[in-house]
Amino acid sequence: MMVVQQPQPFVVATDSNKWSTGICDCTKDLPECCFAFWCFPCFACKTARDYGECLFLPLLDMFGFIPPITIAMRASMRQRYGITGTICNDCMYSFYCGPCAWCQMSREMKRRLQPITLVNARAK
């Protein structure tokens, strides 16, 4: 008896343990950058919703000196996607560069959630 198994498609991820863009790489996605610049609360709420969190969760950041929601979202995203980093860096980026941190998270989700097209080559 002979068992034949078809090769299975796979995706090789490169640099999956790093953010795909830097914290100040807002020009990598100019429309998102403009959206964040002109209406940051709306942008943060949209990004949280796209990530699967409550739509209005980022609005709670306005009530604290340290933005706990931004920190928590960055830490959660790092864990979900296997990105290396520390909670200390998350705090620093969230406190000093909040809008840039949200733009970076939005770019990361877009990059990681892009549909993958698999091409099946058949031998004749």
PDB file of N, CA and C in Angstrom:
ATOM      1  N   MET A   1       0.842  -1.182   0.000  1.00  0.00           N
ATOM      2  CA  MET A   1       0.000   0.000   0.000  1.00  0.00           C
ATOM      3  C   MET A   1       0.888   1.246   0.000  1.00  0.00           C
ATOM      4  N   MET A   2       0.550   2.176  -0.853  1.00  0.00           N
ATOM      5  CA  MET A   2       1.336   3.396  -0.987  1.00  0.00           C
ATOM      6  C   MET A   2       0.482   4.600  -0.602  1.00  0.00           C
ATOM      7  N   VAL A   3       1.020   5.465   0.243  1.00  0.00           N
ATOM      8  CA  VAL A   3       0.314   6.663   0.676  1.00  0.00           C
ATOM      9  C   VAL A   3       0.990   7.862   0.025  1.00  0.00           C
ATOM     10  N   VAL A   4       0.188   8.648  -0.683  1.00  0.00           N
ATOM     11  CA  VAL A   4       0.712   9.841  -1.335  1.00  0.00           C
ATOM     12  C   VAL A   4       0.121  11.053  -0.627  1.00  0.00           C
ATOM     13  N   GLN A   5       0.996  11.947  -0.220  1.00  0.00           N
ATOM     14  CA  GLN A   5       0.534  13.153   0.460  1.00  0.00           C
ATOM     15  C   GLN A   5       0.983  14.366  -0.344  1.00  0.00           C
ATOM     16  N   GLN A   6       0.048  15.248  -0.604  1.00  0.00           N
ATOM     17  CA  GLN A   6       0.342  16.460  -1.352  1.00  0.00           C
ATOM     18  C   GLN A   6       1.171  17.405  -0.482  1.00  0.00           C
ATOM     19  N   PRO A   7       2.096  18.140  -1.099  1.00  0.00           N
ATOM     20  CA  PRO A   7       2.835  19.136  -0.318  1.00  0.00           C
ATOM     21  C   PRO A   7       1.886  20.220   0.177  1.00  0.00           C
ATOM     22  N   GLN A   8       2.108  20.660   1.395  1.00  0.00           N
ATOM     23  CA  GLN A   8       1.263  21.678   1.998  1.00  0.00           C
ATOM     24  C   GLN A   8       1.924  23.046   1.846  1.00  0.00           C
ATOM     25  N   PRO A   9       1.123  24.084   1.555  1.00  0.00           N
ATOM     26  CA  PRO A   9       1.692  25.427   1.441  1.00  0.00           C
ATOM     27  C   PRO A   9       2.122  25.931   2.813  1.00  0.00           C
ATOM     28  N   PHE A  10       3.144  26.746   2.831  1.00  0.00           N
ATOM     29  CA  PHE A  10       3.569  27.355   4.080  1.00  0.00           C
ATOM     30  C   PHE A  10       4.086  28.750   3.795  1.00  0.00           C
ATOM     31  N   VAL A  11       4.113  29.542   4.837  1.00  0.00           N
ATOM     32  CA  VAL A  11       4.571  30.916   4.718  1.00  0.00           C
ATOM     33  C   VAL A  11       5.775  31.079   5.625  1.00  0.00           C
ATOM     34  N   VAL A  12       6.823  31.637   5.101  1.00  0.00           N
ATOM     35  CA  VAL A  12       8.015  31.897   5.894  1.00  0.00           C
ATOM     36  C   VAL A  12       7.978  33.356   6.318  1.00  0.00           C
ATOM     37  N   ALA A  13       7.983  33.591   7.612  1.00  0.00           N
ATOM     38  CA  ALA A  13       7.953  34.957   8.126  1.00  0.00           C
ATOM     39  C   ALA A  13       9.380  35.420   8.405  1.00  0.00           C
ATOM     40  N   THR A  14       9.705  36.599   7.926  1.00  0.00           N
ATOM     41  CA  THR A  14      11.021  37.150   8.201  1.00  0.00           C
ATOM     42  C   THR A  14      10.884  38.297   9.182  1.00  0.00           C
ATOM     43  N   ASP A  15      11.808  38.389  10.096  1.00  0.00           N
ATOM     44  CA  ASP A  15      11.794  39.441  11.112  1.00  0.00           C
ATOM     45  C   ASP A  15      10.475  39.491  11.874  1.00  0.00           C
ATOM     46  N   SER A  16       9.875  38.340  12.128  1.00  0.00           N
ATOM     47  CA  SER A  16       8.584  38.328  12.801  1.00  0.00           C
ATOM     48  C   SER A  16       8.704  38.718  14.265  1.00  0.00           C
ATOM     49  N   ASN A  17       9.927  38.764  14.799  1.00  0.00           N
ATOM     50  CA  ASN A  17      10.070  39.129  16.203  1.00  0.00           C
ATOM     51  C   ASN A  17      10.357  40.621  16.382  1.00  0.00           C
ATOM     52  N   LYS A  18      10.212  41.403  15.312  1.00  0.00           N
ATOM     53  CA  LYS A  18      10.432  42.847  15.372  1.00  0.00           C
ATOM     54  C   LYS A  18       9.213  43.566  14.807  1.00  0.00           C
ATOM     55  N   TRP A  19       9.058  44.825  15.199  1.00  0.00           N
ATOM     56  CA  TRP A  19       8.032  45.651  14.581  1.00  0.00           C
ATOM     57  C   TRP A  19       8.392  45.799  13.108  1.00  0.00           C
ATOM     58  N   SER A  20       7.410  45.759  12.236  1.00  0.00           N
ATOM     59  CA  SER A  20       7.686  45.849  10.797  1.00  0.00           C
ATOM     60  C   SER A  20       8.130  47.248  10.387  1.00  0.00           C
ATOM     61  N   THR A  21       7.752  48.255  11.169  1.00  0.00           N
ATOM     62  CA  THR A  21       8.171  49.635  10.906  1.00  0.00           C
ATOM     63  C   THR A  21       8.584  50.273  12.218  1.00  0.00           C
ATOM     64  N   GLY A  22       9.363  51.324  12.129  1.00  0.00           N
ATOM     65  CA  GLY A  22       9.806  52.034  13.322  1.00  0.00           C
ATOM     66  C   GLY A  22       8.716  52.931  13.883  1.00  0.00           C
ATOM     67  N   ILE A  23       8.963  53.433  15.072  1.00  0.00           N
ATOM     68  CA  ILE A  23       7.975  54.276  15.750  1.00  0.00           C
ATOM     69  C   ILE A  23       7.741  55.588  14.989  1.00  0.00           C
ATOM     70  N   CYS A  24       8.742  56.079  14.276  1.00  0.00           N
ATOM     71  CA  CYS A  24       8.611  57.345  13.542  1.00  0.00           C
ATOM     72  C   CYS A  24       8.459  57.151  12.035  1.00  0.00           C
ATOM     73  N   ASP A  25       8.069  55.974  11.609  1.00  0.00           N
ATOM     74  CA  ASP A  25       7.907  55.693  10.178  1.00  0.00           C
ATOM     75  C   ASP A  25       6.489  55.988   9.693  1.00  0.00           C
ATOM     76  N   CYS A  26       5.949  57.111  10.105  1.00  0.00           N
ATOM     77  CA  CYS A  26       4.568  57.449   9.740  1.00  0.00           C
ATOM     78  C   CYS A  26       4.385  57.611   8.240  1.00  0.00           C
ATOM     79  N   THR A  27       5.449  57.948   7.520  1.00  0.00           N
ATOM     80  CA  THR A  27       5.319  58.140   6.077  1.00  0.00           C
ATOM     81  C   THR A  27       5.152  56.821   5.333  1.00  0.00           C
ATOM     82  N   LYS A  28       5.297  55.696   6.018  1.00  0.00           N
ATOM     83  CA  LYS A  28       5.092  54.391   5.380  1.00  0.00           C
ATOM     84  C   LYS A  28       3.618  54.181   5.039  1.00  0.00           C
ATOM     85  N   ASP A  29       2.736  54.894   5.744  1.00  0.00           N
ATOM     86  CA  ASP A  29       1.297  54.824   5.478  1.00  0.00           C
ATOM     87  C   ASP A  29       0.736  56.232   5.668  1.00  0.00           C
ATOM     88  N   LEU A  30       0.917  57.057   4.674  1.00  0.00           N
ATOM     89  CA  LEU A  30       0.558  58.469   4.771  1.00  0.00           C
ATOM     90  C   LEU A  30      -0.925  58.722   5.050  1.00  0.00           C
ATOM     91  N   PRO A  31      -1.864  57.992   4.420  1.00  0.00           N
ATOM     92  CA  PRO A  31      -3.275  58.241   4.748  1.00  0.00           C
ATOM     93  C   PRO A  31      -3.590  58.002   6.231  1.00  0.00           C
ATOM     94  N   GLU A  32      -3.032  56.940   6.799  1.00  0.00           N
ATOM     95  CA  GLU A  32      -3.267  56.667   8.224  1.00  0.00           C
ATOM     96  C   GLU A  32      -2.632  57.752   9.083  1.00  0.00           C
ATOM     97  N   CYS A  33      -1.457  58.207   8.682  1.00  0.00           N
ATOM     98  CA  CYS A  33      -0.769  59.265   9.422  1.00  0.00           C
ATOM     99  C   CYS A  33      -1.603  60.547   9.430  1.00  0.00           C
ATOM    100  N   CYS A  34      -2.148  60.894   8.280  1.00  0.00           N
ATOM    101  CA  CYS A  34      -2.995  62.098   8.197  1.00  0.00           C
ATOM    102  C   CYS A  34      -4.261  61.939   9.031  1.00  0.00           C
ATOM    103  N   PHE A  35      -4.858  60.758   8.982  1.00  0.00           N
ATOM    104  CA  PHE A  35      -6.051  60.482   9.785  1.00  0.00           C
ATOM    105  C   PHE A  35      -5.728  60.664  11.265  1.00  0.00           C
ATOM    106  N   ALA A  36      -4.593  60.111  11.708  1.00  0.00           N
ATOM    107  CA  ALA A  36      -4.196  60.230  13.114  1.00  0.00           C
ATOM    108  C   ALA A  36      -3.901  61.681  13.483  1.00  0.00           C
ATOM    109  N   PHE A  37      -3.306  62.427  12.566  1.00  0.00           N
ATOM    110  CA  PHE A  37      -2.962  63.819  12.846  1.00  0.00           C
ATOM    111  C   PHE A  37      -4.209  64.690  12.990  1.00  0.00           C
ATOM    112  N   TRP A  38      -5.169  64.527  12.088  1.00  0.00           N
ATOM    113  CA  TRP A  38      -6.333  65.403  12.075  1.00  0.00           C
ATOM    114  C   TRP A  38      -7.430  64.979  13.038  1.00  0.00           C
ATOM    115  N   CYS A  39      -7.521  63.688  13.335  1.00  0.00           N
ATOM    116  CA  CYS A  39      -8.574  63.232  14.259  1.00  0.00           C
ATOM    117  C   CYS A  39      -8.064  62.035  15.060  1.00  0.00           C
ATOM    118  N   PHE A  40      -7.106  62.312  15.954  1.00  0.00           N
ATOM    119  CA  PHE A  40      -6.460  61.230  16.682  1.00  0.00           C
ATOM    120  C   PHE A  40      -7.424  60.363  17.499  1.00  0.00           C
ATOM    121  N   PRO A  41      -8.391  60.933  18.245  1.00  0.00           N
ATOM    122  CA  PRO A  41      -9.293  60.055  19.007  1.00  0.00           C
ATOM    123  C   PRO A  41     -10.043  59.062  18.111  1.00  0.00           C
ATOM    124  N   CYS A  42     -10.500  59.529  16.948  1.00  0.00           N
ATOM    125  CA  CYS A  42     -11.198  58.628  16.015  1.00  0.00           C
ATOM    126  C   CYS A  42     -10.253  57.549  15.496  1.00  0.00           C
ATOM    127  N   PHE A  43      -9.013  57.939  15.191  1.00  0.00           N
ATOM    128  CA  PHE A  43      -8.020  56.987  14.687  1.00  0.00           C
ATOM    129  C   PHE A  43      -7.715  55.912  15.730  1.00  0.00           C
ATOM    130  N   ALA A  44      -7.519  56.326  16.981  1.00  0.00           N
ATOM    131  CA  ALA A  44      -7.209  55.364  18.044  1.00  0.00           C
ATOM    132  C   ALA A  44      -8.382  54.409  18.261  1.00  0.00           C
ATOM    133  N   CYS A  45      -9.603  54.924  18.232  1.00  0.00           N
ATOM    134  CA  CYS A  45     -10.782  54.067  18.401  1.00  0.00           C
ATOM    135  C   CYS A  45     -10.911  53.075  17.250  1.00  0.00           C
ATOM    136  N   LYS A  46     -10.657  53.515  16.026  1.00  0.00           N
ATOM    137  CA  LYS A  46     -10.714  52.620  14.863  1.00  0.00           C
ATOM    138  C   LYS A  46      -9.650  51.527  14.971  1.00  0.00           C
ATOM    139  N   THR A  47      -8.450  51.900  15.377  1.00  0.00           N
ATOM    140  CA  THR A  47      -7.366  50.929  15.512  1.00  0.00           C
ATOM    141  C   THR A  47      -7.701  49.899  16.584  1.00  0.00           C
ATOM    142  N   ALA A  48      -8.251  50.347  17.706  1.00  0.00           N
ATOM    143  CA  ALA A  48      -8.640  49.418  18.774  1.00  0.00           C
ATOM    144  C   ALA A  48      -9.722  48.463  18.281  1.00  0.00           C
ATOM    145  N   ARG A  49     -10.698  48.981  17.555  1.00  0.00           N
ATOM    146  CA  ARG A  49     -11.761  48.124  17.018  1.00  0.00           C
ATOM    147  C   ARG A  49     -11.193  47.101  16.041  1.00  0.00           C
ATOM    148  N   ASP A  50     -10.297  47.538  15.164  1.00  0.00           N
ATOM    149  CA  ASP A  50      -9.674  46.620  14.203  1.00  0.00           C
ATOM    150  C   ASP A  50      -8.874  45.530  14.903  1.00  0.00           C
ATOM    151  N   TYR A  51      -8.339  45.846  16.081  1.00  0.00           N
ATOM    152  CA  TYR A  51      -7.558  44.877  16.849  1.00  0.00           C
ATOM    153  C   TYR A  51      -8.465  43.902  17.603  1.00  0.00           C
ATOM    154  N   GLY A  52      -9.742  44.243  17.714  1.00  0.00           N
ATOM    155  CA  GLY A  52     -10.687  43.363  18.390  1.00  0.00           C
ATOM    156  C   GLY A  52     -11.074  43.836  19.780  1.00  0.00           C
ATOM    157  N   GLU A  53     -10.700  45.047  20.111  1.00  0.00           N
ATOM    158  CA  GLU A  53     -11.033  45.612  21.417  1.00  0.00           C
ATOM    159  C   GLU A  53     -12.262  46.509  21.291  1.00  0.00           C
ATOM    160  N   CYS A  54     -12.747  46.974  22.435  1.00  0.00           N
ATOM    161  CA  CYS A  54     -13.894  47.872  22.470  1.00  0.00           C
ATOM    162  C   CYS A  54     -13.574  49.155  21.705  1.00  0.00           C
ATOM    163  N   LEU A  55     -14.512  49.593  20.910  1.00  0.00           N
ATOM    164  CA  LEU A  55     -14.341  50.769  20.065  1.00  0.00           C
ATOM    165  C   LEU A  55     -13.923  52.002  20.864  1.00  0.00           C
ATOM    166  N   PHE A  56     -14.481  52.201  22.042  1.00  0.00           N
ATOM    167  CA  PHE A  56     -14.247  53.420  22.812  1.00  0.00           C
ATOM    168  C   PHE A  56     -13.146  53.283  23.861  1.00  0.00           C
ATOM    169  N   LEU A  57     -12.478  52.160  23.914  1.00  0.00           N
ATOM    170  CA  LEU A  57     -11.447  51.913  24.920  1.00  0.00           C
ATOM    171  C   LEU A  57     -10.342  52.977  24.930  1.00  0.00           C
ATOM    172  N   PRO A  58      -9.820  53.418  23.791  1.00  0.00           N
ATOM    173  CA  PRO A  58      -8.747  54.426  23.821  1.00  0.00           C
ATOM    174  C   PRO A  58      -9.151  55.756  24.448  1.00  0.00           C
ATOM    175  N   LEU A  59     -10.439  56.049  24.493  1.00  0.00           N
ATOM    176  CA  LEU A  59     -10.875  57.314  25.085  1.00  0.00           C
ATOM    177  C   LEU A  59     -10.563  57.373  26.574  1.00  0.00           C
ATOM    178  N   LEU A  60     -10.371  56.213  27.207  1.00  0.00           N
ATOM    179  CA  LEU A  60     -10.025  56.187  28.629  1.00  0.00           C
ATOM    180  C   LEU A  60      -8.626  56.741  28.877  1.00  0.00           C
ATOM    181  N   ASP A  61      -7.774  56.753  27.872  1.00  0.00           N
ATOM    182  CA  ASP A  61      -6.429  57.314  28.026  1.00  0.00           C
ATOM    183  C   ASP A  61      -6.459  58.795  28.391  1.00  0.00           C
ATOM    184  N   MET A  62      -7.517  59.494  28.014  1.00  0.00           N
ATOM    185  CA  MET A  62      -7.597  60.927  28.280  1.00  0.00           C
ATOM    186  C   MET A  62      -7.758  61.236  29.764  1.00  0.00           C
ATOM    187  N   PHE A  63      -8.136  60.248  30.566  1.00  0.00           N
ATOM    188  CA  PHE A  63      -8.391  60.499  31.976  1.00  0.00           C
ATOM    189  C   PHE A  63      -7.194  60.221  32.866  1.00  0.00           C
ATOM    190  N   GLY A  64      -6.084  59.800  32.291  1.00  0.00           N
ATOM    191  CA  GLY A  64      -4.917  59.486  33.108  1.00  0.00           C
ATOM    192  C   GLY A  64      -3.681  60.211  32.637  1.00  0.00           C
ATOM    193  N   PHE A  65      -2.727  60.349  33.544  1.00  0.00           N
ATOM    194  CA  PHE A  65      -1.461  60.987  33.201  1.00  0.00           C
ATOM    195  C   PHE A  65      -0.628  60.060  32.327  1.00  0.00           C
ATOM    196  N   ILE A  66      -0.626  58.778  32.665  1.00  0.00           N
ATOM    197  CA  ILE A  66       0.050  57.761  31.859  1.00  0.00           C
ATOM    198  C   ILE A  66      -1.031  57.041  31.062  1.00  0.00           C
ATOM    199  N   PRO A  67      -0.867  56.898  29.769  1.00  0.00           N
ATOM    200  CA  PRO A  67      -1.907  56.276  28.930  1.00  0.00           C
ATOM    201  C   PRO A  67      -1.947  54.749  29.072  1.00  0.00           C
ATOM    202  N   PRO A  68      -2.749  54.231  30.000  1.00  0.00           N
ATOM    203  CA  PRO A  68      -2.749  52.783  30.260  1.00  0.00           C
ATOM    204  C   PRO A  68      -3.269  51.949  29.093  1.00  0.00           C
ATOM    205  N   ILE A  69      -4.188  52.472  28.326  1.00  0.00           N
ATOM    206  CA  ILE A  69      -4.758  51.698  27.224  1.00  0.00           C
ATOM    207  C   ILE A  69      -3.729  51.533  26.110  1.00  0.00           C
ATOM    208  N   THR A  70      -3.013  52.593  25.797  1.00  0.00           N
ATOM    209  CA  THR A  70      -1.979  52.508  24.764  1.00  0.00           C
ATOM    210  C   THR A  70      -0.904  51.512  25.176  1.00  0.00           C
ATOM    211  N   ILE A  71      -0.490  51.567  26.431  1.00  0.00           N
ATOM    212  CA  ILE A  71       0.527  50.632  26.938  1.00  0.00           C
ATOM    213  C   ILE A  71       0.015  49.202  26.836  1.00  0.00           C
ATOM    214  N   ALA A  72      -1.216  48.982  27.280  1.00  0.00           N
ATOM    215  CA  ALA A  72      -1.793  47.632  27.262  1.00  0.00           C
ATOM    216  C   ALA A  72      -1.948  47.106  25.837  1.00  0.00           C
ATOM    217  N   MET A  73      -2.365  47.969  24.913  1.00  0.00           N
ATOM    218  CA  MET A  73      -2.525  47.537  23.519  1.00  0.00           C
ATOM    219  C   MET A  73      -1.178  47.165  22.901  1.00  0.00           C
ATOM    220  N   ARG A  74      -0.148  47.976  23.170  1.00  0.00           N
ATOM    221  CA  ARG A  74       1.190  47.656  22.635  1.00  0.00           C
ATOM    222  C   ARG A  74       1.700  46.335  23.206  1.00  0.00           C
ATOM    223  N   ALA A  75       1.541  46.145  24.508  1.00  0.00           N
ATOM    224  CA  ALA A  75       2.005  44.903  25.139  1.00  0.00           C
ATOM    225  C   ALA A  75       1.236  43.705  24.586  1.00  0.00           C
ATOM    226  N   SER A  76      -0.070  43.856  24.418  1.00  0.00           N
ATOM    227  CA  SER A  76      -0.895  42.776  23.872  1.00  0.00           C
ATOM    228  C   SER A  76      -0.500  42.460  22.433  1.00  0.00           C
ATOM    229  N   MET A  77      -0.252  43.497  21.643  1.00  0.00           N
ATOM    230  CA  MET A  77       0.130  43.289  20.249  1.00  0.00           C
ATOM    231  C   MET A  77       1.500  42.614  20.161  1.00  0.00           C
ATOM    232  N   ARG A  78       2.423  43.022  21.026  1.00  0.00           N
ATOM    233  CA  ARG A  78       3.734  42.367  21.041  1.00  0.00           C
ATOM    234  C   ARG A  78       3.593  40.884  21.360  1.00  0.00           C
ATOM    235  N   GLN A  79       2.730  40.566  22.321  1.00  0.00           N
ATOM    236  CA  GLN A  79       2.531  39.166  22.697  1.00  0.00           C
ATOM    237  C   GLN A  79       1.843  38.393  21.569  1.00  0.00           C
ATOM    238  N   ARG A  80       0.807  38.953  20.978  1.00  0.00           N
ATOM    239  CA  ARG A  80       0.054  38.267  19.925  1.00  0.00           C
ATOM    240  C   ARG A  80       0.927  37.950  18.716  1.00  0.00           C
ATOM    241  N   TYR A  81       1.768  38.904  18.325  1.00  0.00           N
ATOM    242  CA  TYR A  81       2.578  38.734  17.123  1.00  0.00           C
ATOM    243  C   TYR A  81       4.004  38.266  17.402  1.00  0.00           C
ATOM    244  N   GLY A  82       4.336  38.036  18.671  1.00  0.00           N
ATOM    245  CA  GLY A  82       5.674  37.554  19.015  1.00  0.00           C
ATOM    246  C   GLY A  82       6.766  38.587  18.805  1.00  0.00           C
ATOM    247  N   ILE A  83       6.443  39.840  19.034  1.00  0.00           N
ATOM    248  CA  ILE A  83       7.405  40.930  18.854  1.00  0.00           C
ATOM    249  C   ILE A  83       8.182  41.116  20.151  1.00  0.00           C
ATOM    250  N   THR A  84       9.505  41.194  20.032  1.00  0.00           N
ATOM    251  CA  THR A  84      10.314  41.400  21.231  1.00  0.00           C
ATOM    252  C   THR A  84      10.193  42.847  21.690  1.00  0.00           C
ATOM    253  N   GLY A  85      10.368  43.046  22.971  1.00  0.00           N
ATOM    254  CA  GLY A  85      10.283  44.378  23.547  1.00  0.00           C
ATOM    255  C   GLY A  85      10.034  44.273  25.037  1.00  0.00           C
ATOM    256  N   THR A  86       9.931  45.416  25.681  1.00  0.00           N
ATOM    257  CA  THR A  86       9.707  45.441  27.122  1.00  0.00           C
ATOM    258  C   THR A  86       8.540  46.364  27.447  1.00  0.00           C
ATOM    259  N   ILE A  87       7.976  46.156  28.606  1.00  0.00           N
ATOM    260  CA  ILE A  87       6.890  47.021  29.062  1.00  0.00           C
ATOM    261  C   ILE A  87       7.419  48.436  29.297  1.00  0.00           C
ATOM    262  N   CYS A  88       8.692  48.540  29.648  1.00  0.00           N
ATOM    263  CA  CYS A  88       9.307  49.856  29.842  1.00  0.00           C
ATOM    264  C   CYS A  88       9.312  50.638  28.523  1.00  0.00           C
ATOM    265  N   ASN A  89       9.696  49.986  27.432  1.00  0.00           N
ATOM    266  CA  ASN A  89       9.655  50.651  26.122  1.00  0.00           C
ATOM    267  C   ASN A  89       8.229  51.014  25.739  1.00  0.00           C
ATOM    268  N   ASP A  90       7.283  50.118  26.027  1.00  0.00           N
ATOM    269  CA  ASP A  90       5.881  50.411  25.733  1.00  0.00           C
ATOM    270  C   ASP A  90       5.434  51.661  26.481  1.00  0.00           C
ATOM    271  N   CYS A  91       5.837  51.783  27.754  1.00  0.00           N
ATOM    272  CA  CYS A  91       5.486  52.966  28.553  1.00  0.00           C
ATOM    273  C   CYS A  91       6.085  54.229  27.950  1.00  0.00           C
ATOM    274  N   MET A  92       7.358  54.159  27.586  1.00  0.00           N
ATOM    275  CA  MET A  92       8.034  55.337  27.041  1.00  0.00           C
ATOM    276  C   MET A  92       7.394  55.788  25.723  1.00  0.00           C
ATOM    277  N   TYR A  93       7.172  54.836  24.815  1.00  0.00           N
ATOM    278  CA  TYR A  93       6.570  55.199  23.533  1.00  0.00           C
ATOM    279  C   TYR A  93       5.144  55.709  23.722  1.00  0.00           C
ATOM    280  N   SER A  94       4.402  55.093  24.617  1.00  0.00           N
ATOM    281  CA  SER A  94       3.012  55.494  24.836  1.00  0.00           C
ATOM    282  C   SER A  94       2.916  56.875  25.465  1.00  0.00           C
ATOM    283  N   PHE A  95       3.825  57.179  26.378  1.00  0.00           N
ATOM    284  CA  PHE A  95       3.780  58.456  27.083  1.00  0.00           C
ATOM    285  C   PHE A  95       4.309  59.599  26.221  1.00  0.00           C
ATOM    286  N   TYR A  96       5.453  59.391  25.583  1.00  0.00           N
ATOM    287  CA  TYR A  96       6.096  60.471  24.834  1.00  0.00           C
ATOM    288  C   TYR A  96       5.679  60.547  23.365  1.00  0.00           C
ATOM    289  N   CYS A  97       5.273  59.431  22.786  1.00  0.00           N
ATOM    290  CA  CYS A  97       4.950  59.390  21.348  1.00  0.00           C
ATOM    291  C   CYS A  97       3.631  58.656  21.123  1.00  0.00           C
ATOM    292  N   GLY A  98       2.616  58.974  21.892  1.00  0.00           N
ATOM    293  CA  GLY A  98       1.346  58.259  21.818  1.00  0.00           C
ATOM    294  C   GLY A  98       0.771  58.119  20.416  1.00  0.00           C
ATOM    295  N   PRO A  99       0.588  59.220  19.686  1.00  0.00           N
ATOM    296  CA  PRO A  99       0.044  59.090  18.330  1.00  0.00           C
ATOM    297  C   PRO A  99       0.931  58.244  17.412  1.00  0.00           C
ATOM    298  N   CYS A 100       2.248  58.387  17.552  1.00  0.00           N
ATOM    299  CA  CYS A 100       3.158  57.573  16.728  1.00  0.00           C
ATOM    300  C   CYS A 100       3.044  56.096  17.104  1.00  0.00           C
ATOM    301  N   ALA A 101       2.849  55.814  18.398  1.00  0.00           N
ATOM    302  CA  ALA A 101       2.691  54.422  18.839  1.00  0.00           C
ATOM    303  C   ALA A 101       1.423  53.816  18.239  1.00  0.00           C
ATOM    304  N   TRP A 102       0.335  54.591  18.212  1.00  0.00           N
ATOM    305  CA  TRP A 102      -0.905  54.092  17.615  1.00  0.00           C
ATOM    306  C   TRP A 102      -0.747  53.883  16.110  1.00  0.00           C
ATOM    307  N   CYS A 103      -0.032  54.788  15.445  1.00  0.00           N
ATOM    308  CA  CYS A 103       0.216  54.618  14.003  1.00  0.00           C
ATOM    309  C   CYS A 103       1.046  53.364  13.750  1.00  0.00           C
ATOM    310  N   GLN A 104       2.049  53.127  14.592  1.00  0.00           N
ATOM    311  CA  GLN A 104       2.876  51.933  14.439  1.00  0.00           C
ATOM    312  C   GLN A 104       2.037  50.669  14.626  1.00  0.00           C
ATOM    313  N   MET A 105       1.144  50.676  15.613  1.00  0.00           N
ATOM    314  CA  MET A 105       0.287  49.503  15.833  1.00  0.00           C
ATOM    315  C   MET A 105      -0.637  49.280  14.642  1.00  0.00           C
ATOM    316  N   SER A 106      -1.166  50.352  14.083  1.00  0.00           N
ATOM    317  CA  SER A 106      -2.045  50.230  12.923  1.00  0.00           C
ATOM    318  C   SER A 106      -1.289  49.645  11.730  1.00  0.00           C
ATOM    319  N   ARG A 107      -0.080  50.144  11.486  1.00  0.00           N
ATOM    320  CA  ARG A 107       0.730  49.613  10.381  1.00  0.00           C
ATOM    321  C   ARG A 107       1.058  48.140  10.599  1.00  0.00           C
ATOM    322  N   GLU A 108       1.351  47.776  11.841  1.00  0.00           N
ATOM    323  CA  GLU A 108       1.701  46.382  12.144  1.00  0.00           C
ATOM    324  C   GLU A 108       0.522  45.456  11.866  1.00  0.00           C
ATOM    325  N   MET A 109      -0.672  45.876  12.283  1.00  0.00           N
ATOM    326  CA  MET A 109      -1.853  45.048  12.018  1.00  0.00           C
ATOM    327  C   MET A 109      -2.087  44.899  10.524  1.00  0.00           C
ATOM    328  N   LYS A 110      -1.967  45.993   9.785  1.00  0.00           N
ATOM    329  CA  LYS A 110      -2.169  45.922   8.334  1.00  0.00           C
ATOM    330  C   LYS A 110      -1.185  44.947   7.702  1.00  0.00           C
ATOM    331  N   ARG A 111       0.072  45.018   8.110  1.00  0.00           N
ATOM    332  CA  ARG A 111       1.097  44.155   7.529  1.00  0.00           C
ATOM    333  C   ARG A 111       0.846  42.693   7.874  1.00  0.00           C
ATOM    334  N   ARG A 112       0.493  42.427   9.112  1.00  0.00           N
ATOM    335  CA  ARG A 112       0.346  41.037   9.555  1.00  0.00           C
ATOM    336  C   ARG A 112      -0.980  40.417   9.146  1.00  0.00           C
ATOM    337  N   LEU A 113      -1.965  41.240   8.841  1.00  0.00           N
ATOM    338  CA  LEU A 113      -3.274  40.701   8.481  1.00  0.00           C
ATOM    339  C   LEU A 113      -3.533  40.763   6.984  1.00  0.00           C
ATOM    340  N   GLN A 114      -2.510  41.042   6.189  1.00  0.00           N
ATOM    341  CA  GLN A 114      -2.680  41.060   4.738  1.00  0.00           C
ATOM    342  C   GLN A 114      -3.053  39.667   4.267  1.00  0.00           C
ATOM    343  N   PRO A 115      -3.994  39.585   3.324  1.00  0.00           N
ATOM    344  CA  PRO A 115      -4.333  38.263   2.795  1.00  0.00           C
ATOM    345  C   PRO A 115      -3.140  37.674   2.048  1.00  0.00           C
ATOM    346  N   ILE A 116      -2.945  36.388   2.224  1.00  0.00           N
ATOM    347  CA  ILE A 116      -1.834  35.690   1.590  1.00  0.00           C
ATOM    348  C   ILE A 116      -2.357  34.955   0.370  1.00  0.00           C
ATOM    349  N   THR A 117      -1.731  35.171  -0.757  1.00  0.00           N
ATOM    350  CA  THR A 117      -2.111  34.484  -1.987  1.00  0.00           C
ATOM    351  C   THR A 117      -1.168  33.309  -2.187  1.00  0.00           C
ATOM    352  N   LEU A 118      -1.737  32.124  -2.228  1.00  0.00           N
ATOM    353  CA  LEU A 118      -0.943  30.921  -2.440  1.00  0.00           C
ATOM    354  C   LEU A 118      -1.087  30.485  -3.886  1.00  0.00           C
ATOM    355  N   VAL A 119       0.009  30.182  -4.496  1.00  0.00           N
ATOM    356  CA  VAL A 119       0.008  29.714  -5.876  1.00  0.00           C
ATOM    357  C   VAL A 119       0.292  28.224  -5.853  1.00  0.00           C
ATOM    358  N   ASN A 120      -0.580  27.465  -6.467  1.00  0.00           N
ATOM    359  CA  ASN A 120      -0.438  26.014  -6.486  1.00  0.00           C
ATOM    360  C   ASN A 120       0.081  25.605  -7.858  1.00  0.00           C
ATOM    361  N   ALA A 121       1.326  25.178  -7.906  1.00  0.00           N
ATOM    362  CA  ALA A 121       1.915  24.737  -9.176  1.00  0.00           C
ATOM    363  C   ALA A 121       1.684  23.239  -9.326  1.00  0.00           C
ATOM    364  N   ARG A 122       1.115  22.865 -10.432  1.00  0.00           N
ATOM    365  CA  ARG A 122       0.835  21.442 -10.680  1.00  0.00           C
ATOM    366  C   ARG A 122       1.828  20.900 -11.698  1.00  0.00           C
ATOM    367  N   ALA A 123       2.381  19.770 -11.377  1.00  0.00           N
ATOM    368  CA  ALA A 123       3.297  19.109 -12.316  1.00  0.00           C
ATOM    369  C   ALA A 123       2.484  18.282 -13.294  1.00  0.00           C
ATOM    370  N   LYS A 124       2.887  18.321 -14.549  1.00  0.00           N
ATOM    371  CA  LYS A 124       2.156  17.554 -15.563  1.00  0.00           C
ATOM    372  C   LYS A 124       2.943  16.354 -15.978  1.00  0.00           C
TER     373      LYS A 124
END
